[in-house]
Amino acid sequence: MKHFTKWLNRAFKQYPRKEMTLLMGSHYEPQTFGQPVERNQTSLITNSDAEKYFRPSSLPIKNTLFENTQFFDPYYELNYKEIKLPATLTRNPDETILNYFSILREAENLNQNQLGGCGTVGMAKLPFPIAYNFFTKDYQRRVSYNEYLQSFAGIGHLNLIKMNRLPDENGMGPYFIELESIEGSSKGVTYFAYYYGYVQLKKEQNLYKIDQMKLYGEDFLCAAYHLWQHDAEAVVAIMYGEWCKLIKKQLPAKQEGYVKTIDYIGTDGADYRFIFYQLTNDTDVLISQYKKSAEGIWESIRIDPYQCLN
């Protein structure tokens, strides 16, 4: 597990010389793959009729806990300092994330440059001071409320479509998330945008609060015209096979939903397993790596293929 923790620390690493960009309360970075390589490869039914007007993804949304707007009644005209969250909202890690994004689902911060909607959208800005109280005191010191609110500029609607808890040796596993947003524009029409990233929780006075978040933007034109790094099979074959000379035999990928598993037999004779999550733009993101021990147990590892090039 220590290898996974090192990877997690790198994911949340702060770079003091580089000004941090905030997006929806999260540290934001563009998704990068390295040097582009030409590769010409192109890569639903919902139960609710209303959903087809909101979203193109076929995945059910998860942040639906507060569809009754009466939840928001006690918080009208209160600033974030006057709000005390019910302890039931943050009593376990899963509930913290689901409640946080359920509150933000009806939040909007459209402006004159990023317009959308035909009047009031959702609960307008009412959810933001409530959601801000899901942050630890440390996170609130790093990100002020005004910075938090401004980081949602142009956002009109937010859906949580993926949420998976990841392993961690300290029992405070981070979460993988994928978000689907509806954003305004200068044209007065709205667009869908997708982001994936990680949320780290911390126990504070026996409650689970959000201590760090990082988001990466998804591009829908990059993988269609360039790159091989978006494809799990190519990543394993090239980075760990050609670069690191670790693969004796790569087995066919197995996919269940958006979880893709690739096993291979190593040149050392050991069995390896790589887990990828497939994003809405069909990019495969490497989530975890395992090596089977002599006792037959899958143990978490972290092999950095770029070190092989060095």
C-alpha atoms as a PDB file:
ATOM      1  CA  MET A   1       0.000   0.000   0.000  1.00  0.00           C
ATOM      2  CA  LYS A   2       2.932   2.386   0.506  1.00  0.00           C
ATOM      3  CA  HIS A   3       3.366   2.570  -3.282  1.00  0.00           C
ATOM      4  CA  PHE A   4      -0.245   3.681  -3.687  1.00  0.00           C
ATOM      5  CA  THR A   5       0.214   6.296  -0.949  1.00  0.00           C
ATOM      6  CA  LYS A   6       3.251   7.739  -2.733  1.00  0.00           C
ATOM      7  CA  TRP A   7       1.198   7.970  -5.938  1.00  0.00           C
ATOM      8  CA  LEU A   8      -1.641   9.663  -4.038  1.00  0.00           C
ATOM      9  CA  ASN A   9       0.765  12.183  -2.537  1.00  0.00           C
ATOM     10  CA  ARG A  10       2.011  13.001  -6.032  1.00  0.00           C
ATOM     11  CA  ALA A  11      -1.558  13.450  -7.247  1.00  0.00           C
ATOM     12  CA  PHE A  12      -2.240  16.033  -4.518  1.00  0.00           C
ATOM     13  CA  LYS A  13       1.255  17.568  -4.595  1.00  0.00           C
ATOM     14  CA  GLN A  14       1.261  21.339  -4.366  1.00  0.00           C
ATOM     15  CA  TYR A  15       3.680  23.366  -6.459  1.00  0.00           C
ATOM     16  CA  PRO A  16       4.409  26.631  -4.584  1.00  0.00           C
ATOM     17  CA  ARG A  17       5.926  28.465  -7.566  1.00  0.00           C
ATOM     18  CA  LYS A  18       2.925  27.734  -9.758  1.00  0.00           C
ATOM     19  CA  GLU A  19      -0.280  29.652  -9.119  1.00  0.00           C
ATOM     20  CA  MET A  20      -3.037  27.207  -8.270  1.00  0.00           C
ATOM     21  CA  THR A  21      -6.112  27.223 -10.489  1.00  0.00           C
ATOM     22  CA  LEU A  22      -9.377  26.483  -8.689  1.00  0.00           C
ATOM     23  CA  LEU A  23     -12.330  24.819 -10.389  1.00  0.00           C
ATOM     24  CA  MET A  24     -15.465  23.945  -8.414  1.00  0.00           C
ATOM     25  CA  GLY A  25     -13.473  24.142  -5.186  1.00  0.00           C
ATOM     26  CA  SER A  26     -10.820  21.778  -6.514  1.00  0.00           C
ATOM     27  CA  HIS A  27      -7.203  22.158  -7.554  1.00  0.00           C
ATOM     28  CA  TYR A  28      -7.498  21.992 -11.344  1.00  0.00           C
ATOM     29  CA  GLU A  29      -5.015  20.754 -13.904  1.00  0.00           C
ATOM     30  CA  PRO A  30      -5.487  19.909 -17.586  1.00  0.00           C
ATOM     31  CA  GLN A  31      -5.253  16.249 -18.471  1.00  0.00           C
ATOM     32  CA  THR A  32      -1.846  15.576 -20.023  1.00  0.00           C
ATOM     33  CA  PHE A  33      -0.450  12.584 -21.888  1.00  0.00           C
ATOM     34  CA  GLY A  34       2.957  13.786 -23.049  1.00  0.00           C
ATOM     35  CA  GLN A  35       4.066  14.039 -26.661  1.00  0.00           C
ATOM     36  CA  PRO A  36       1.128  13.559 -29.103  1.00  0.00           C
ATOM     37  CA  VAL A  37       1.383  10.674 -31.531  1.00  0.00           C
ATOM     38  CA  GLU A  38      -0.768  10.409 -34.653  1.00  0.00           C
ATOM     39  CA  ARG A  39      -3.252   7.576 -34.347  1.00  0.00           C
ATOM     40  CA  ASN A  40      -6.425   7.515 -36.447  1.00  0.00           C
ATOM     41  CA  GLN A  41      -8.769   5.553 -34.279  1.00  0.00           C
ATOM     42  CA  THR A  42     -12.323   6.405 -33.443  1.00  0.00           C
ATOM     43  CA  SER A  43     -13.068   5.083 -30.585  1.00  0.00           C
ATOM     44  CA  LEU A  44     -28.952   4.051 -22.999  1.00  0.00           C
ATOM     45  CA  ILE A  45     -31.664   4.211 -22.012  1.00  0.00           C
ATOM     46  CA  THR A  46     -32.704   6.189 -18.841  1.00  0.00           C
ATOM     47  CA  ASN A  47     -35.581   5.475 -16.475  1.00  0.00           C
ATOM     48  CA  SER A  48     -36.573   9.122 -16.168  1.00  0.00           C
ATOM     49  CA  ASP A  49     -37.838  11.023 -19.184  1.00  0.00           C
ATOM     50  CA  ALA A  50     -36.603  14.294 -17.670  1.00  0.00           C
ATOM     51  CA  GLU A  51     -33.013  13.071 -17.573  1.00  0.00           C
ATOM     52  CA  LYS A  52     -32.708  13.096 -21.358  1.00  0.00           C
ATOM     53  CA  TYR A  53     -32.906  16.877 -21.285  1.00  0.00           C
ATOM     54  CA  PHE A  54     -30.040  17.153 -18.819  1.00  0.00           C
ATOM     55  CA  ARG A  55     -27.280  14.834 -19.854  1.00  0.00           C
ATOM     56  CA  PRO A  56     -25.757  12.774 -22.670  1.00  0.00           C
ATOM     57  CA  SER A  57     -24.028  10.175 -20.458  1.00  0.00           C
ATOM     58  CA  SER A  58     -25.862   6.884 -20.014  1.00  0.00           C
ATOM     59  CA  LEU A  59     -24.647   6.418 -16.408  1.00  0.00           C
ATOM     60  CA  PRO A  60     -27.157   7.035 -13.607  1.00  0.00           C
ATOM     61  CA  ILE A  61     -26.299  10.037 -11.486  1.00  0.00           C
ATOM     62  CA  LYS A  62     -25.410   9.470  -7.844  1.00  0.00           C
ATOM     63  CA  ASN A  63     -25.960  12.877  -6.208  1.00  0.00           C
ATOM     64  CA  THR A  64     -29.735  12.700  -5.838  1.00  0.00           C
ATOM     65  CA  LEU A  65     -30.153  12.793  -2.046  1.00  0.00           C
ATOM     66  CA  PHE A  66     -31.821  16.230  -1.792  1.00  0.00           C
ATOM     67  CA  GLU A  67     -34.366  16.361  -4.590  1.00  0.00           C
ATOM     68  CA  ASN A  68     -36.839  17.850  -2.077  1.00  0.00           C
ATOM     69  CA  THR A  69     -35.949  21.553  -1.885  1.00  0.00           C
ATOM     70  CA  GLN A  70     -37.231  21.758   1.710  1.00  0.00           C
ATOM     71  CA  PHE A  71     -33.743  20.692   2.800  1.00  0.00           C
ATOM     72  CA  PHE A  72     -32.496  24.168   1.897  1.00  0.00           C
ATOM     73  CA  ASP A  73     -35.190  26.102   3.834  1.00  0.00           C
ATOM     74  CA  PRO A  74     -33.200  26.594   7.106  1.00  0.00           C
ATOM     75  CA  TYR A  75     -30.228  28.085   5.216  1.00  0.00           C
ATOM     76  CA  TYR A  76     -31.838  31.035   3.419  1.00  0.00           C
ATOM     77  CA  GLU A  77     -29.960  34.319   4.008  1.00  0.00           C
ATOM     78  CA  LEU A  78     -27.260  32.632   6.128  1.00  0.00           C
ATOM     79  CA  ASN A  79     -23.578  33.098   5.311  1.00  0.00           C
ATOM     80  CA  TYR A  80     -21.201  30.146   5.556  1.00  0.00           C
ATOM     81  CA  LYS A  81     -20.004  31.140   9.045  1.00  0.00           C
ATOM     82  CA  GLU A  82     -23.556  30.942  10.403  1.00  0.00           C
ATOM     83  CA  ILE A  83     -24.198  27.434   9.063  1.00  0.00           C
ATOM     84  CA  LYS A  84     -23.718  24.345  11.212  1.00  0.00           C
ATOM     85  CA  LEU A  85     -24.144  21.137   9.258  1.00  0.00           C
ATOM     86  CA  PRO A  86     -26.154  18.291  10.780  1.00  0.00           C
ATOM     87  CA  ALA A  87     -23.682  15.610  11.886  1.00  0.00           C
ATOM     88  CA  THR A  88     -25.663  13.028   9.904  1.00  0.00           C
ATOM     89  CA  LEU A  89     -24.343  14.518   6.650  1.00  0.00           C
ATOM     90  CA  THR A  90     -20.698  13.635   7.373  1.00  0.00           C
ATOM     91  CA  ARG A  91     -20.811  10.621   9.676  1.00  0.00           C
ATOM     92  CA  ASN A  92     -19.119   8.274   7.185  1.00  0.00           C
ATOM     93  CA  PRO A  93     -16.959   8.847   4.084  1.00  0.00           C
ATOM     94  CA  ASP A  94     -19.497   7.711   1.464  1.00  0.00           C
ATOM     95  CA  GLU A  95     -22.227   9.921   2.906  1.00  0.00           C
ATOM     96  CA  THR A  96     -19.906  12.934   3.004  1.00  0.00           C
ATOM     97  CA  ILE A  97     -19.183  12.745  -0.726  1.00  0.00           C
ATOM     98  CA  LEU A  98     -22.740  11.923  -1.777  1.00  0.00           C
ATOM     99  CA  ASN A  99     -24.256  14.644   0.415  1.00  0.00           C
ATOM    100  CA  TYR A 100     -21.705  17.243  -0.702  1.00  0.00           C
ATOM    101  CA  PHE A 101     -22.366  16.721  -4.392  1.00  0.00           C
ATOM    102  CA  SER A 102     -26.121  16.310  -3.852  1.00  0.00           C
ATOM    103  CA  ILE A 103     -26.191  19.805  -2.361  1.00  0.00           C
ATOM    104  CA  LEU A 104     -24.108  21.169  -5.240  1.00  0.00           C
ATOM    105  CA  ARG A 105     -26.307  19.516  -7.858  1.00  0.00           C
ATOM    106  CA  GLU A 106     -28.730  22.446  -7.779  1.00  0.00           C
ATOM    107  CA  ALA A 107     -26.092  25.180  -7.410  1.00  0.00           C
ATOM    108  CA  GLU A 108     -25.330  27.665 -10.192  1.00  0.00           C
ATOM    109  CA  ASN A 109     -22.934  30.550 -10.639  1.00  0.00           C
ATOM    110  CA  LEU A 110     -23.715  31.722 -14.150  1.00  0.00           C
ATOM    111  CA  ASN A 111     -22.634  35.252 -15.030  1.00  0.00           C
ATOM    112  CA  GLN A 112     -22.887  37.820 -17.835  1.00  0.00           C
ATOM    113  CA  ASN A 113     -20.058  36.172 -19.773  1.00  0.00           C
ATOM    114  CA  GLN A 114     -21.296  32.616 -19.213  1.00  0.00           C
ATOM    115  CA  LEU A 115     -25.055  32.633 -19.621  1.00  0.00           C
ATOM    116  CA  GLY A 116     -27.584  29.815 -19.660  1.00  0.00           C
ATOM    117  CA  GLY A 117     -31.082  28.837 -18.636  1.00  0.00           C
ATOM    118  CA  CYS A 118     -34.400  30.637 -18.958  1.00  0.00           C
ATOM    119  CA  GLY A 119     -34.629  32.347 -15.580  1.00  0.00           C
ATOM    120  CA  THR A 120     -33.618  31.025 -12.165  1.00  0.00           C
ATOM    121  CA  VAL A 121     -31.558  27.836 -12.378  1.00  0.00           C
ATOM    122  CA  GLY A 122     -31.885  25.309  -9.565  1.00  0.00           C
ATOM    123  CA  MET A 123     -31.391  26.797  -6.105  1.00  0.00           C
ATOM    124  CA  ALA A 124     -29.090  29.507  -7.496  1.00  0.00           C
ATOM    125  CA  LYS A 125     -26.217  30.304  -5.093  1.00  0.00           C
ATOM    126  CA  LEU A 126     -27.952  29.057  -1.940  1.00  0.00           C
ATOM    127  CA  PRO A 127     -26.120  25.677  -1.890  1.00  0.00           C
ATOM    128  CA  PHE A 128     -22.584  27.128  -1.967  1.00  0.00           C
ATOM    129  CA  PRO A 129     -22.209  28.261   1.689  1.00  0.00           C
ATOM    130  CA  ILE A 130     -23.722  24.948   2.799  1.00  0.00           C
ATOM    131  CA  ALA A 131     -21.319  22.903   0.673  1.00  0.00           C
ATOM    132  CA  TYR A 132     -18.312  24.962   1.832  1.00  0.00           C
ATOM    133  CA  ASN A 133     -18.888  23.643   5.351  1.00  0.00           C
ATOM    134  CA  PHE A 134     -18.033  20.132   4.147  1.00  0.00           C
ATOM    135  CA  PHE A 135     -14.380  21.288   4.038  1.00  0.00           C
ATOM    136  CA  THR A 136     -11.925  20.775   6.888  1.00  0.00           C
ATOM    137  CA  LYS A 137     -10.663  23.873   8.680  1.00  0.00           C
ATOM    138  CA  ASP A 138      -7.316  23.384   6.928  1.00  0.00           C
ATOM    139  CA  TYR A 139      -8.950  23.339   3.504  1.00  0.00           C
ATOM    140  CA  GLN A 140     -10.937  26.462   4.341  1.00  0.00           C
ATOM    141  CA  ARG A 141      -7.692  28.190   5.306  1.00  0.00           C
ATOM    142  CA  ARG A 142      -6.177  27.238   1.942  1.00  0.00           C
ATOM    143  CA  VAL A 143      -9.290  28.157  -0.066  1.00  0.00           C
ATOM    144  CA  SER A 144     -11.377  31.114   1.075  1.00  0.00           C
ATOM    145  CA  TYR A 145     -15.128  31.139   0.582  1.00  0.00           C
ATOM    146  CA  ASN A 146     -14.898  33.874  -2.073  1.00  0.00           C
ATOM    147  CA  GLU A 147     -12.306  31.822  -3.990  1.00  0.00           C
ATOM    148  CA  TYR A 148     -14.529  28.775  -3.643  1.00  0.00           C
ATOM    149  CA  LEU A 149     -17.576  30.601  -4.992  1.00  0.00           C
ATOM    150  CA  GLN A 150     -15.611  32.116  -7.877  1.00  0.00           C
ATOM    151  CA  SER A 151     -14.264  28.675  -8.834  1.00  0.00           C
ATOM    152  CA  PHE A 152     -17.820  27.753  -9.886  1.00  0.00           C
ATOM    153  CA  ALA A 153     -18.094  30.676 -12.326  1.00  0.00           C
ATOM    154  CA  GLY A 154     -20.059  29.535 -15.371  1.00  0.00           C
ATOM    155  CA  ILE A 155     -21.332  26.325 -13.741  1.00  0.00           C
ATOM    156  CA  GLY A 156     -25.080  25.857 -14.006  1.00  0.00           C
ATOM    157  CA  HIS A 157     -25.616  22.216 -13.007  1.00  0.00           C
ATOM    158  CA  LEU A 158     -23.498  19.398 -11.621  1.00  0.00           C
ATOM    159  CA  ASN A 159     -23.897  15.606 -11.704  1.00  0.00           C
ATOM    160  CA  LEU A 160     -21.749  13.011  -9.948  1.00  0.00           C
ATOM    161  CA  ILE A 161     -21.600  10.029 -12.310  1.00  0.00           C
ATOM    162  CA  LYS A 162     -18.704   7.965 -10.896  1.00  0.00           C
ATOM    163  CA  MET A 163     -17.549   7.480  -7.311  1.00  0.00           C
ATOM    164  CA  ASN A 164     -15.139   4.760  -6.219  1.00  0.00           C
ATOM    165  CA  ARG A 165     -13.217   4.473  -2.998  1.00  0.00           C
ATOM    166  CA  LEU A 166      -9.523   3.745  -3.518  1.00  0.00           C
ATOM    167  CA  PRO A 167      -7.250   1.811  -1.122  1.00  0.00           C
ATOM    168  CA  ASP A 168      -5.063   3.588   1.410  1.00  0.00           C
ATOM    169  CA  GLU A 169      -2.929   2.214   4.217  1.00  0.00           C
ATOM    170  CA  ASN A 170      -4.225   4.741   6.774  1.00  0.00           C
ATOM    171  CA  GLY A 171      -7.853   3.698   6.436  1.00  0.00           C
ATOM    172  CA  MET A 172      -8.745   7.085   4.930  1.00  0.00           C
ATOM    173  CA  GLY A 173      -8.953   6.006   1.333  1.00  0.00           C
ATOM    174  CA  PRO A 174      -9.283   8.706  -1.304  1.00  0.00           C
ATOM    175  CA  TYR A 175     -12.144   8.641  -3.778  1.00  0.00           C
ATOM    176  CA  PHE A 176     -12.083   8.634  -7.546  1.00  0.00           C
ATOM    177  CA  ILE A 177     -14.891  10.769  -8.981  1.00  0.00           C
ATOM    178  CA  GLU A 178     -16.176  11.817 -12.379  1.00  0.00           C
ATOM    179  CA  LEU A 179     -18.351  14.908 -12.732  1.00  0.00           C
ATOM    180  CA  GLU A 180     -20.677  16.018 -15.491  1.00  0.00           C
ATOM    181  CA  SER A 181     -21.342  19.753 -15.564  1.00  0.00           C
ATOM    182  CA  ILE A 182     -23.622  21.985 -17.591  1.00  0.00           C
ATOM    183  CA  GLU A 183     -21.805  25.256 -18.220  1.00  0.00           C
ATOM    184  CA  GLY A 184     -22.955  28.581 -19.625  1.00  0.00           C
ATOM    185  CA  SER A 185     -21.334  30.397 -22.522  1.00  0.00           C
ATOM    186  CA  SER A 186     -21.039  33.815 -24.151  1.00  0.00           C
ATOM    187  CA  LYS A 187     -23.456  32.559 -26.818  1.00  0.00           C
ATOM    188  CA  GLY A 188     -26.218  32.098 -24.250  1.00  0.00           C
ATOM    189  CA  VAL A 189     -26.333  28.340 -24.846  1.00  0.00           C
ATOM    190  CA  THR A 190     -25.108  25.684 -22.418  1.00  0.00           C
ATOM    191  CA  TYR A 191     -22.531  22.958 -22.902  1.00  0.00           C
ATOM    192  CA  PHE A 192     -21.719  19.689 -21.195  1.00  0.00           C
ATOM    193  CA  ALA A 193     -18.216  19.328 -19.756  1.00  0.00           C
ATOM    194  CA  TYR A 194     -16.679  16.371 -17.943  1.00  0.00           C
ATOM    195  CA  TYR A 195     -14.020  16.201 -15.257  1.00  0.00           C
ATOM    196  CA  TYR A 196     -12.439  13.373 -13.306  1.00  0.00           C
ATOM    197  CA  GLY A 197     -10.307  13.539 -10.204  1.00  0.00           C
ATOM    198  CA  TYR A 198      -9.740  12.637  -6.592  1.00  0.00           C
ATOM    199  CA  VAL A 199     -11.203  13.635  -3.243  1.00  0.00           C
ATOM    200  CA  GLN A 200      -9.279  13.118  -0.002  1.00  0.00           C
ATOM    201  CA  LEU A 201     -11.178  13.062   3.286  1.00  0.00           C
ATOM    202  CA  LYS A 202      -9.959  13.687   6.821  1.00  0.00           C
ATOM    203  CA  LYS A 203     -11.563  12.888  10.151  1.00  0.00           C
ATOM    204  CA  GLU A 204     -12.296  16.055  12.087  1.00  0.00           C
ATOM    205  CA  GLN A 205     -14.082  15.814  15.453  1.00  0.00           C
ATOM    206  CA  ASN A 206     -15.347  12.331  14.527  1.00  0.00           C
ATOM    207  CA  LEU A 207     -16.810  13.617  11.257  1.00  0.00           C
ATOM    208  CA  TYR A 208     -15.463  13.018   7.752  1.00  0.00           C
ATOM    209  CA  LYS A 209     -14.661  16.282   5.991  1.00  0.00           C
ATOM    210  CA  ILE A 210     -13.161  17.042   2.581  1.00  0.00           C
ATOM    211  CA  ASP A 211      -9.490  17.975   2.925  1.00  0.00           C
ATOM    212  CA  GLN A 212      -8.262  18.012  -0.685  1.00  0.00           C
ATOM    213  CA  MET A 213      -9.729  17.806  -4.185  1.00  0.00           C
ATOM    214  CA  LYS A 214      -8.130  17.708  -7.605  1.00  0.00           C
ATOM    215  CA  LEU A 215      -9.882  17.698 -10.975  1.00  0.00           C
ATOM    216  CA  TYR A 216      -8.663  17.052 -14.515  1.00  0.00           C
ATOM    217  CA  GLY A 217     -10.595  18.213 -17.562  1.00  0.00           C
ATOM    218  CA  GLU A 218     -11.664  15.705 -20.224  1.00  0.00           C
ATOM    219  CA  ASP A 219     -11.094  16.483 -23.887  1.00  0.00           C
ATOM    220  CA  PHE A 220     -13.313  14.936 -26.580  1.00  0.00           C
ATOM    221  CA  LEU A 221     -11.084  15.669 -29.576  1.00  0.00           C
ATOM    222  CA  CYS A 222      -7.630  14.628 -28.411  1.00  0.00           C
ATOM    223  CA  ALA A 223      -7.946  10.838 -28.311  1.00  0.00           C
ATOM    224  CA  ALA A 224     -10.016  10.743 -31.494  1.00  0.00           C
ATOM    225  CA  TYR A 225      -7.195  12.216 -33.581  1.00  0.00           C
ATOM    226  CA  HIS A 226      -3.974  11.694 -31.627  1.00  0.00           C
ATOM    227  CA  LEU A 227      -2.259   9.692 -28.913  1.00  0.00           C
ATOM    228  CA  TRP A 228      -2.156   6.125 -27.764  1.00  0.00           C
ATOM    229  CA  GLN A 229      -1.988   7.017 -24.059  1.00  0.00           C
ATOM    230  CA  HIS A 230      -5.779   7.049 -23.747  1.00  0.00           C
ATOM    231  CA  ASP A 231      -6.005   3.304 -24.524  1.00  0.00           C
ATOM    232  CA  ALA A 232      -5.401   0.862 -21.650  1.00  0.00           C
ATOM    233  CA  GLU A 233      -4.122  -1.989 -23.830  1.00  0.00           C
ATOM    234  CA  ALA A 234      -1.626   0.308 -25.565  1.00  0.00           C
ATOM    235  CA  VAL A 235      -0.496   1.839 -22.269  1.00  0.00           C
ATOM    236  CA  VAL A 236       0.323  -1.570 -20.810  1.00  0.00           C
ATOM    237  CA  ALA A 237       1.948  -2.912 -23.976  1.00  0.00           C
ATOM    238  CA  ILE A 238       4.078   0.168 -24.700  1.00  0.00           C
ATOM    239  CA  MET A 239       4.922   1.602 -21.277  1.00  0.00           C
ATOM    240  CA  TYR A 240       5.368  -1.621 -19.343  1.00  0.00           C
ATOM    241  CA  GLY A 241       6.227  -3.932 -22.234  1.00  0.00           C
ATOM    242  CA  GLU A 242       8.416  -1.943 -24.632  1.00  0.00           C
ATOM    243  CA  TRP A 243       9.757   0.621 -22.166  1.00  0.00           C
ATOM    244  CA  CYS A 244      10.226  -1.499 -19.040  1.00  0.00           C
ATOM    245  CA  LYS A 245      10.573  -4.974 -20.602  1.00  0.00           C
ATOM    246  CA  LEU A 246       8.300  -6.371 -17.902  1.00  0.00           C
ATOM    247  CA  ILE A 247       5.779  -8.314 -19.996  1.00  0.00           C
ATOM    248  CA  LYS A 248       6.232 -11.891 -21.117  1.00  0.00           C
ATOM    249  CA  LYS A 249       2.571 -12.336 -22.119  1.00  0.00           C
ATOM    250  CA  GLN A 250      -0.231  -9.770 -22.039  1.00  0.00           C
ATOM    251  CA  LEU A 251      -3.716 -11.269 -21.598  1.00  0.00           C
ATOM    252  CA  PRO A 252      -6.883  -9.825 -23.217  1.00  0.00           C
ATOM    253  CA  ALA A 253      -8.527  -6.996 -21.304  1.00  0.00           C
ATOM    254  CA  LYS A 254     -11.677  -7.705 -19.290  1.00  0.00           C
ATOM    255  CA  GLN A 255     -14.243  -4.951 -18.873  1.00  0.00           C
ATOM    256  CA  GLU A 256     -17.212  -4.697 -16.521  1.00  0.00           C
ATOM    257  CA  GLY A 257     -19.009  -1.391 -16.830  1.00  0.00           C
ATOM    258  CA  TYR A 258     -16.340   1.306 -16.835  1.00  0.00           C
ATOM    259  CA  VAL A 259     -13.788  -0.862 -14.975  1.00  0.00           C
ATOM    260  CA  LYS A 260     -11.171  -2.401 -17.269  1.00  0.00           C
ATOM    261  CA  THR A 261      -8.756  -5.070 -15.992  1.00  0.00           C
ATOM    262  CA  ILE A 262      -5.576  -6.141 -17.782  1.00  0.00           C
ATOM    263  CA  ASP A 263      -3.511  -9.082 -16.534  1.00  0.00           C
ATOM    264  CA  TYR A 264      -0.088 -10.051 -17.765  1.00  0.00           C
ATOM    265  CA  ILE A 265       2.628 -12.555 -16.974  1.00  0.00           C
ATOM    266  CA  GLY A 266       5.844 -10.777 -16.137  1.00  0.00           C
ATOM    267  CA  THR A 267       9.316 -11.566 -17.424  1.00  0.00           C
ATOM    268  CA  ASP A 268      10.045 -12.498 -13.798  1.00  0.00           C
ATOM    269  CA  GLY A 269       7.324 -15.175 -13.954  1.00  0.00           C
ATOM    270  CA  ALA A 270       4.958 -13.310 -11.611  1.00  0.00           C
ATOM    271  CA  ASP A 271       1.329 -12.381 -12.351  1.00  0.00           C
ATOM    272  CA  TYR A 272       0.446  -8.679 -12.630  1.00  0.00           C
ATOM    273  CA  ARG A 273      -2.907  -6.885 -12.755  1.00  0.00           C
ATOM    274  CA  PHE A 274      -3.642  -3.301 -13.819  1.00  0.00           C
ATOM    275  CA  ILE A 275      -7.022  -1.646 -13.150  1.00  0.00           C
ATOM    276  CA  PHE A 276      -8.253   1.202 -15.373  1.00  0.00           C
ATOM    277  CA  TYR A 277     -11.404   3.329 -15.186  1.00  0.00           C
ATOM    278  CA  GLN A 278     -12.933   4.389 -18.501  1.00  0.00           C
ATOM    279  CA  LEU A 279     -14.052   8.015 -18.602  1.00  0.00           C
ATOM    280  CA  THR A 280     -16.998   9.448 -20.496  1.00  0.00           C
ATOM    281  CA  ASN A 281     -14.651  10.525 -23.322  1.00  0.00           C
ATOM    282  CA  ASP A 282     -13.473   6.867 -23.502  1.00  0.00           C
ATOM    283  CA  THR A 283     -10.043   7.645 -22.052  1.00  0.00           C
ATOM    284  CA  ASP A 284      -8.721   4.847 -19.823  1.00  0.00           C
ATOM    285  CA  VAL A 285      -7.173   6.098 -16.579  1.00  0.00           C
ATOM    286  CA  LEU A 286      -4.792   3.803 -14.705  1.00  0.00           C
ATOM    287  CA  ILE A 287      -6.039   3.540 -11.131  1.00  0.00           C
ATOM    288  CA  SER A 288      -4.112   0.713  -9.463  1.00  0.00           C
ATOM    289  CA  GLN A 289      -1.429  -1.899 -10.073  1.00  0.00           C
ATOM    290  CA  TYR A 290      -1.050  -5.282  -8.356  1.00  0.00           C
ATOM    291  CA  LYS A 291       1.425  -8.122  -8.239  1.00  0.00           C
ATOM    292  CA  LYS A 292       0.454 -11.587  -7.006  1.00  0.00           C
ATOM    293  CA  SER A 293       2.597 -12.753  -4.106  1.00  0.00           C
ATOM    294  CA  ALA A 294       3.926 -16.271  -3.586  1.00  0.00           C
ATOM    295  CA  GLU A 295       0.934 -16.790  -1.258  1.00  0.00           C
ATOM    296  CA  GLY A 296      -1.492 -15.912  -4.071  1.00  0.00           C
ATOM    297  CA  ILE A 297      -2.429 -12.491  -2.675  1.00  0.00           C
ATOM    298  CA  TRP A 298      -2.721  -9.428  -4.932  1.00  0.00           C
ATOM    299  CA  GLU A 299      -0.442  -6.772  -3.427  1.00  0.00           C
ATOM    300  CA  SER A 300      -0.566  -3.103  -4.413  1.00  0.00           C
ATOM    301  CA  ILE A 301       2.519  -1.856  -6.280  1.00  0.00           C
ATOM    302  CA  ARG A 302       3.490   1.258  -8.224  1.00  0.00           C
ATOM    303  CA  ILE A 303       5.784   0.921 -11.234  1.00  0.00           C
ATOM    304  CA  ASP A 304       6.715   4.254 -12.836  1.00  0.00           C
ATOM    305  CA  PRO A 305       7.348   3.524 -16.552  1.00  0.00           C
ATOM    306  CA  TYR A 306       9.063   6.862 -17.085  1.00  0.00           C
ATOM    307  CA  GLN A 307      11.882   5.715 -14.821  1.00  0.00           C
ATOM    308  CA  CYS A 308      12.450   2.891 -17.297  1.00  0.00           C
ATOM    309  CA  LEU A 309      13.175   5.465 -19.998  1.00  0.00           C
ATOM    310  CA  ASN A 310      15.728   7.146 -17.766  1.00  0.00           C
END
